[in-house]
């Protein structure tokens, strides 16, 4: 549940709720289980060395047939299915965080299909 950062737009795969939800949940006996952070980074905020490293990593991945790209809004269902397949296939290797994102993804898919 979002507890800070209401001044920025919602992020993909992150919860977004009204600020009063925190107080409502705590009054009903619920408490925080873990922290989940999201970062908003623009090229202007990243050092040139980091951007060069990112370009080098992407070039190396591309040579191996791996492409890193932005999620396409026009192909959200295809991208969601691909992410779900990766999460299921590699979930045991990447741990619970990957599975947590998969659960959020399934919720997102249900919302998108409504």
C-alpha atoms as a PDB file:
ATOM      1  CA  UNK A   1       0.000   0.000   0.000  1.00  0.00           C
ATOM      2  CA  UNK A   2       1.324   3.418  -0.896  1.00  0.00           C
ATOM      3  CA  UNK A   3       2.133   5.444   2.216  1.00  0.00           C
ATOM      4  CA  UNK A   4       4.246   8.223   0.690  1.00  0.00           C
ATOM      5  CA  UNK A   5       4.675   9.825  -2.723  1.00  0.00           C
ATOM      6  CA  UNK A   6       1.113  10.898  -3.447  1.00  0.00           C
ATOM      7  CA  UNK A   7       2.478  13.877  -5.390  1.00  0.00           C
ATOM      8  CA  UNK A   8       3.674  11.644  -8.247  1.00  0.00           C
ATOM      9  CA  UNK A   9       1.660   9.561 -10.721  1.00  0.00           C
ATOM     10  CA  UNK A  10       1.052   5.823 -10.183  1.00  0.00           C
ATOM     11  CA  UNK A  11       3.833   3.461 -11.255  1.00  0.00           C
ATOM     12  CA  UNK A  12       3.318   0.182 -13.113  1.00  0.00           C
ATOM     13  CA  UNK A  13       3.220  -2.850 -10.810  1.00  0.00           C
ATOM     14  CA  UNK A  14       2.981  -0.658  -7.698  1.00  0.00           C
ATOM     15  CA  UNK A  15      -0.044  -0.128  -5.515  1.00  0.00           C
ATOM     16  CA  UNK A  16      -1.788   3.238  -5.530  1.00  0.00           C
ATOM     17  CA  UNK A  17      -4.439   4.253  -3.045  1.00  0.00           C
ATOM     18  CA  UNK A  18      -5.850   7.285  -1.286  1.00  0.00           C
ATOM     19  CA  UNK A  19      -3.720   8.714   1.555  1.00  0.00           C
ATOM     20  CA  UNK A  20      -6.374   7.955   4.184  1.00  0.00           C
ATOM     21  CA  UNK A  21      -6.038   4.181   3.572  1.00  0.00           C
ATOM     22  CA  UNK A  22      -2.996   3.959   5.881  1.00  0.00           C
ATOM     23  CA  UNK A  23      -4.953   5.259   8.890  1.00  0.00           C
ATOM     24  CA  UNK A  24      -7.973   3.127   7.958  1.00  0.00           C
ATOM     25  CA  UNK A  25      -5.905  -0.066   7.809  1.00  0.00           C
ATOM     26  CA  UNK A  26      -4.037   0.654  11.052  1.00  0.00           C
ATOM     27  CA  UNK A  27      -7.320   1.396  12.885  1.00  0.00           C
ATOM     28  CA  UNK A  28      -8.529  -2.044  11.785  1.00  0.00           C
ATOM     29  CA  UNK A  29      -5.506  -3.798  13.254  1.00  0.00           C
ATOM     30  CA  UNK A  30      -3.427  -4.240  10.116  1.00  0.00           C
ATOM     31  CA  UNK A  31       0.275  -3.450  10.134  1.00  0.00           C
ATOM     32  CA  UNK A  32       3.078  -3.149   7.620  1.00  0.00           C
ATOM     33  CA  UNK A  33       4.704  -6.414   6.579  1.00  0.00           C
ATOM     34  CA  UNK A  34       7.442  -5.095   4.290  1.00  0.00           C
ATOM     35  CA  UNK A  35       8.718  -2.084   2.387  1.00  0.00           C
ATOM     36  CA  UNK A  36       8.584  -1.990  -1.402  1.00  0.00           C
ATOM     37  CA  UNK A  37      10.306   0.940  -3.096  1.00  0.00           C
ATOM     38  CA  UNK A  38       9.955   2.423  -6.569  1.00  0.00           C
ATOM     39  CA  UNK A  39      12.374   4.893  -8.081  1.00  0.00           C
ATOM     40  CA  UNK A  40      11.721   7.415 -10.812  1.00  0.00           C
ATOM     41  CA  UNK A  41      14.895   8.019 -12.774  1.00  0.00           C
ATOM     42  CA  UNK A  42      15.328  10.195 -15.830  1.00  0.00           C
ATOM     43  CA  UNK A  43      18.396  10.349 -18.067  1.00  0.00           C
ATOM     44  CA  UNK A  44      19.040  13.875 -16.753  1.00  0.00           C
ATOM     45  CA  UNK A  45      19.427  12.472 -13.217  1.00  0.00           C
ATOM     46  CA  UNK A  46      21.790   9.647 -14.192  1.00  0.00           C
ATOM     47  CA  UNK A  47      25.533  10.091 -14.554  1.00  0.00           C
ATOM     48  CA  UNK A  48      27.008   9.729 -18.039  1.00  0.00           C
ATOM     49  CA  UNK A  49      29.069   6.731 -16.845  1.00  0.00           C
ATOM     50  CA  UNK A  50      25.892   4.903 -15.838  1.00  0.00           C
ATOM     51  CA  UNK A  51      24.254   5.600 -19.195  1.00  0.00           C
ATOM     52  CA  UNK A  52      27.363   4.369 -21.031  1.00  0.00           C
ATOM     53  CA  UNK A  53      27.389   1.216 -18.884  1.00  0.00           C
ATOM     54  CA  UNK A  54      23.694   0.678 -19.603  1.00  0.00           C
ATOM     55  CA  UNK A  55      24.318   1.019 -23.348  1.00  0.00           C
ATOM     56  CA  UNK A  56      27.221  -1.464 -23.132  1.00  0.00           C
ATOM     57  CA  UNK A  57      25.097  -3.983 -21.205  1.00  0.00           C
ATOM     58  CA  UNK A  58      22.227  -3.641 -23.682  1.00  0.00           C
ATOM     59  CA  UNK A  59      24.638  -4.158 -26.611  1.00  0.00           C
ATOM     60  CA  UNK A  60      26.049  -7.315 -24.982  1.00  0.00           C
ATOM     61  CA  UNK A  61      22.541  -8.645 -24.274  1.00  0.00           C
ATOM     62  CA  UNK A  62      21.461  -7.882 -27.844  1.00  0.00           C
ATOM     63  CA  UNK A  63      24.370 -10.006 -29.161  1.00  0.00           C
ATOM     64  CA  UNK A  64      22.894 -12.902 -27.162  1.00  0.00           C
ATOM     65  CA  UNK A  65      19.418 -12.277 -28.560  1.00  0.00           C
ATOM     66  CA  UNK A  66      18.062 -10.542 -25.448  1.00  0.00           C
ATOM     67  CA  UNK A  67      16.311  -7.204 -25.935  1.00  0.00           C
ATOM     68  CA  UNK A  68      15.406  -4.850 -23.099  1.00  0.00           C
ATOM     69  CA  UNK A  69      12.651  -2.408 -24.017  1.00  0.00           C
ATOM     70  CA  UNK A  70       9.858  -0.399 -22.496  1.00  0.00           C
ATOM     71  CA  UNK A  71       6.488  -2.036 -21.944  1.00  0.00           C
ATOM     72  CA  UNK A  72       4.178  -1.254 -24.841  1.00  0.00           C
ATOM     73  CA  UNK A  73       0.819   0.182 -23.855  1.00  0.00           C
ATOM     74  CA  UNK A  74      -0.521  -1.080 -27.175  1.00  0.00           C
ATOM     75  CA  UNK A  75       0.570  -4.639 -26.392  1.00  0.00           C
ATOM     76  CA  UNK A  76      -0.006  -4.684 -22.623  1.00  0.00           C
ATOM     77  CA  UNK A  77      -1.704  -8.096 -22.640  1.00  0.00           C
ATOM     78  CA  UNK A  78       1.160  -9.656 -24.633  1.00  0.00           C
ATOM     79  CA  UNK A  79       3.765  -8.045 -22.356  1.00  0.00           C
ATOM     80  CA  UNK A  80       1.846  -9.114 -19.228  1.00  0.00           C
ATOM     81  CA  UNK A  81       1.692 -12.716 -20.463  1.00  0.00           C
ATOM     82  CA  UNK A  82       5.428 -12.654 -21.254  1.00  0.00           C
ATOM     83  CA  UNK A  83       6.259 -11.298 -17.800  1.00  0.00           C
ATOM     84  CA  UNK A  84       4.006 -13.901 -16.179  1.00  0.00           C
ATOM     85  CA  UNK A  85       5.740 -16.701 -18.116  1.00  0.00           C
ATOM     86  CA  UNK A  86       9.176 -15.425 -17.081  1.00  0.00           C
ATOM     87  CA  UNK A  87       8.026 -15.132 -13.457  1.00  0.00           C
ATOM     88  CA  UNK A  88       6.691 -18.694 -13.389  1.00  0.00           C
ATOM     89  CA  UNK A  89       9.707 -20.152 -15.200  1.00  0.00           C
ATOM     90  CA  UNK A  90      12.317 -18.346 -13.124  1.00  0.00           C
ATOM     91  CA  UNK A  91      10.363 -17.652  -9.915  1.00  0.00           C
ATOM     92  CA  UNK A  92      12.336 -20.128  -7.818  1.00  0.00           C
ATOM     93  CA  UNK A  93      15.623 -18.634  -8.988  1.00  0.00           C
ATOM     94  CA  UNK A  94      14.698 -14.997  -8.455  1.00  0.00           C
ATOM     95  CA  UNK A  95      12.875 -15.450  -5.161  1.00  0.00           C
ATOM     96  CA  UNK A  96       9.725 -14.128  -3.573  1.00  0.00           C
ATOM     97  CA  UNK A  97       9.989 -10.597  -4.982  1.00  0.00           C
ATOM     98  CA  UNK A  98       9.450 -11.929  -8.498  1.00  0.00           C
ATOM     99  CA  UNK A  99       6.439 -13.917  -7.281  1.00  0.00           C
ATOM    100  CA  UNK A 100       5.078 -10.826  -5.515  1.00  0.00           C
ATOM    101  CA  UNK A 101       5.228  -8.931  -8.817  1.00  0.00           C
ATOM    102  CA  UNK A 102       3.507 -11.857 -10.527  1.00  0.00           C
ATOM    103  CA  UNK A 103       0.635 -11.633  -8.034  1.00  0.00           C
ATOM    104  CA  UNK A 104       0.353  -7.893  -8.730  1.00  0.00           C
ATOM    105  CA  UNK A 105       0.460  -8.639 -12.445  1.00  0.00           C
ATOM    106  CA  UNK A 106      -2.431 -11.092 -12.165  1.00  0.00           C
ATOM    107  CA  UNK A 107      -4.427  -8.439 -10.316  1.00  0.00           C
ATOM    108  CA  UNK A 108      -3.541  -5.901 -13.005  1.00  0.00           C
ATOM    109  CA  UNK A 109      -4.652  -8.324 -15.732  1.00  0.00           C
ATOM    110  CA  UNK A 110      -8.014  -8.810 -14.002  1.00  0.00           C
ATOM    111  CA  UNK A 111      -8.487  -5.028 -13.790  1.00  0.00           C
ATOM    112  CA  UNK A 112      -7.511  -4.573 -17.459  1.00  0.00           C
ATOM    113  CA  UNK A 113      -9.992  -7.220 -18.595  1.00  0.00           C
ATOM    114  CA  UNK A 114     -12.939  -5.595 -16.792  1.00  0.00           C
END
